[in-house]
Amino acid sequence: QVQVVESGGGLVQPGGSLRLSCAASGSIGSRYIMGWYRQAPGKQRELVAAVTSGGTTNYADAVKVRCTISRDNAKNTVYLQMNSLKPEDTAVYYCNFRNRGSSTNYWGQGTQVTVSS
């Protein structure tokens, strides 16, 4: 079992920045993928960015020039630095964890990001 906890959301003005954190604990394997997803009202949950334990990253086109995902393997933690935030970035952001070789996904409770003036 893996527990996933997100933090760092909040209310920011357009153009502002936030850093989200996601900490995983429990049955963490040597190889895993952690990613940030978001879900806006009326929209399907979508990938924002992901990083493997080996450091490979992947970004959605909408955020790749504004966001950076990073990891701290010692803490089983990933961070999502979001800059130049836009109102369309408003969503609940969820962290996902999956051990490589496993089909089981673990989700956090989500953290609200609201971009509004």
Protein backbone atom coordinates (compact mmCIF):
# COMPACT_ATOMS: atom_id res chain seq x y z
CA GLN A 1 0.00 0.00 0.00
CA VAL A 2 1.17 3.50 -0.85
CA GLN A 3 -0.02 6.72 0.69
CA VAL A 4 0.14 9.93 -1.31
CA VAL A 5 -0.19 13.42 0.17
CA GLU A 6 -0.23 16.68 -1.78
CA SER A 7 0.27 20.21 -0.54
CA GLY A 8 1.01 23.68 -1.82
CA GLY A 9 -2.17 24.71 -3.55
CA GLY A 10 -3.82 28.04 -3.05
CA LEU A 11 -5.15 31.21 -4.60
CA VAL A 12 -2.82 33.18 -6.85
CA GLN A 13 -3.22 36.00 -9.33
CA PRO A 14 -2.61 35.47 -13.03
CA GLY A 15 1.11 35.50 -13.65
CA GLY A 16 1.86 34.21 -10.19
CA SER A 17 3.65 31.06 -9.13
CA LEU A 18 3.06 28.06 -6.92
CA ARG A 19 5.05 25.03 -5.93
CA LEU A 20 3.14 21.86 -5.27
CA SER A 21 4.60 19.02 -3.25
CA CYS A 22 3.70 15.35 -3.26
CA ALA A 23 5.07 12.88 -0.75
CA ALA A 24 4.62 9.14 -1.13
CA SER A 25 5.11 6.59 1.60
CA GLY A 26 4.60 2.88 2.08
CA SER A 27 5.55 0.18 -0.39
CA ILE A 28 7.86 2.25 -2.55
CA GLY A 29 9.84 0.27 -5.08
CA SER A 30 13.20 1.08 -6.56
CA ARG A 31 11.57 2.24 -9.77
CA TYR A 32 8.41 4.28 -9.89
CA ILE A 33 6.56 7.02 -11.70
CA MET A 34 5.03 9.99 -9.97
CA GLY A 35 2.91 12.51 -11.76
CA TRP A 36 0.71 15.51 -11.34
CA TYR A 37 -2.74 15.49 -12.86
CA ARG A 38 -5.43 18.12 -12.73
CA GLN A 39 -9.16 18.19 -13.07
CA ALA A 40 -11.17 21.31 -13.71
CA PRO A 41 -14.96 21.45 -13.34
CA GLY A 42 -16.61 19.71 -16.26
CA LYS A 43 -13.29 18.45 -17.56
CA GLN A 44 -11.58 15.10 -17.62
CA ARG A 45 -8.59 14.56 -15.40
CA GLU A 46 -5.46 15.21 -17.42
CA LEU A 47 -1.74 14.76 -17.00
CA VAL A 48 0.24 17.88 -16.20
CA ALA A 49 3.70 16.44 -15.69
CA ALA A 50 5.34 13.22 -14.59
CA VAL A 51 8.77 12.08 -13.54
CA THR A 52 10.27 8.65 -13.06
CA SER A 53 12.57 7.66 -10.24
CA GLY A 54 15.31 7.69 -12.87
CA GLY A 55 14.66 11.31 -13.74
CA THR A 56 12.78 11.06 -17.03
CA THR A 57 10.17 13.80 -17.30
CA ASN A 58 7.09 14.35 -19.38
CA TYR A 59 4.94 17.47 -19.67
CA ALA A 60 1.63 18.37 -21.15
CA ASP A 61 2.01 20.79 -24.04
CA ALA A 62 -0.06 23.40 -22.23
CA VAL A 63 2.39 23.69 -19.34
CA LYS A 64 5.78 22.55 -20.56
CA VAL A 65 7.24 26.06 -20.89
CA ARG A 66 5.83 27.21 -17.56
CA CYS A 67 6.17 24.23 -15.25
CA THR A 68 9.01 22.15 -13.93
CA ILE A 69 8.68 18.82 -12.19
CA SER A 70 11.47 17.64 -9.95
CA ARG A 71 12.07 14.84 -7.51
CA ASP A 72 13.78 13.99 -4.26
CA ASN A 73 14.17 10.23 -4.31
CA ALA A 74 15.44 10.12 -0.75
CA LYS A 75 12.14 11.59 0.42
CA ASN A 76 9.97 9.93 -2.23
CA THR A 77 8.74 13.40 -3.01
CA VAL A 78 8.05 15.26 -6.22
CA TYR A 79 7.52 18.95 -6.75
CA LEU A 80 5.72 20.87 -9.42
CA GLN A 81 6.89 24.44 -9.85
CA MET A 82 4.27 26.39 -11.77
CA ASN A 83 5.02 29.85 -13.10
CA SER A 84 3.11 32.36 -15.18
CA LEU A 85 -0.13 30.84 -14.02
CA LYS A 86 -3.25 31.42 -16.04
CA PRO A 87 -6.93 31.22 -15.09
CA GLU A 88 -7.21 28.07 -17.19
CA ASP A 89 -4.75 26.42 -14.81
CA THR A 90 -7.45 26.51 -12.14
CA ALA A 91 -8.19 22.95 -11.09
CA VAL A 92 -7.79 20.39 -8.38
CA TYR A 93 -4.31 18.98 -8.74
CA TYR A 94 -3.80 15.34 -7.87
CA CYS A 95 -0.60 13.42 -7.35
CA ASN A 96 -0.31 9.90 -8.70
CA PHE A 97 2.13 7.18 -7.79
CA ARG A 98 2.77 3.90 -9.57
CA ASN A 99 5.57 1.42 -9.10
CA ARG A 100 7.11 0.44 -12.41
CA GLY A 101 5.87 -2.98 -13.39
CA SER A 102 2.63 -2.52 -11.46
CA SER A 103 -0.76 -1.49 -12.78
CA THR A 104 -1.91 -0.14 -9.42
CA ASN A 105 -2.23 3.63 -9.21
CA TYR A 106 -2.31 5.50 -5.93
CA TRP A 107 -3.86 8.93 -5.73
CA GLY A 108 -3.67 11.73 -3.25
CA GLN A 109 -6.64 13.70 -2.01
CA GLY A 110 -5.90 16.64 -4.27
CA THR A 111 -4.97 20.25 -3.68
CA GLN A 112 -6.90 23.19 -5.09
CA VAL A 113 -5.16 25.68 -7.34
CA THR A 114 -7.16 28.78 -8.16
CA VAL A 115 -5.79 31.45 -10.50
CA SER A 116 -7.91 34.56 -10.33
CA SER A 117 -7.59 38.30 -9.95
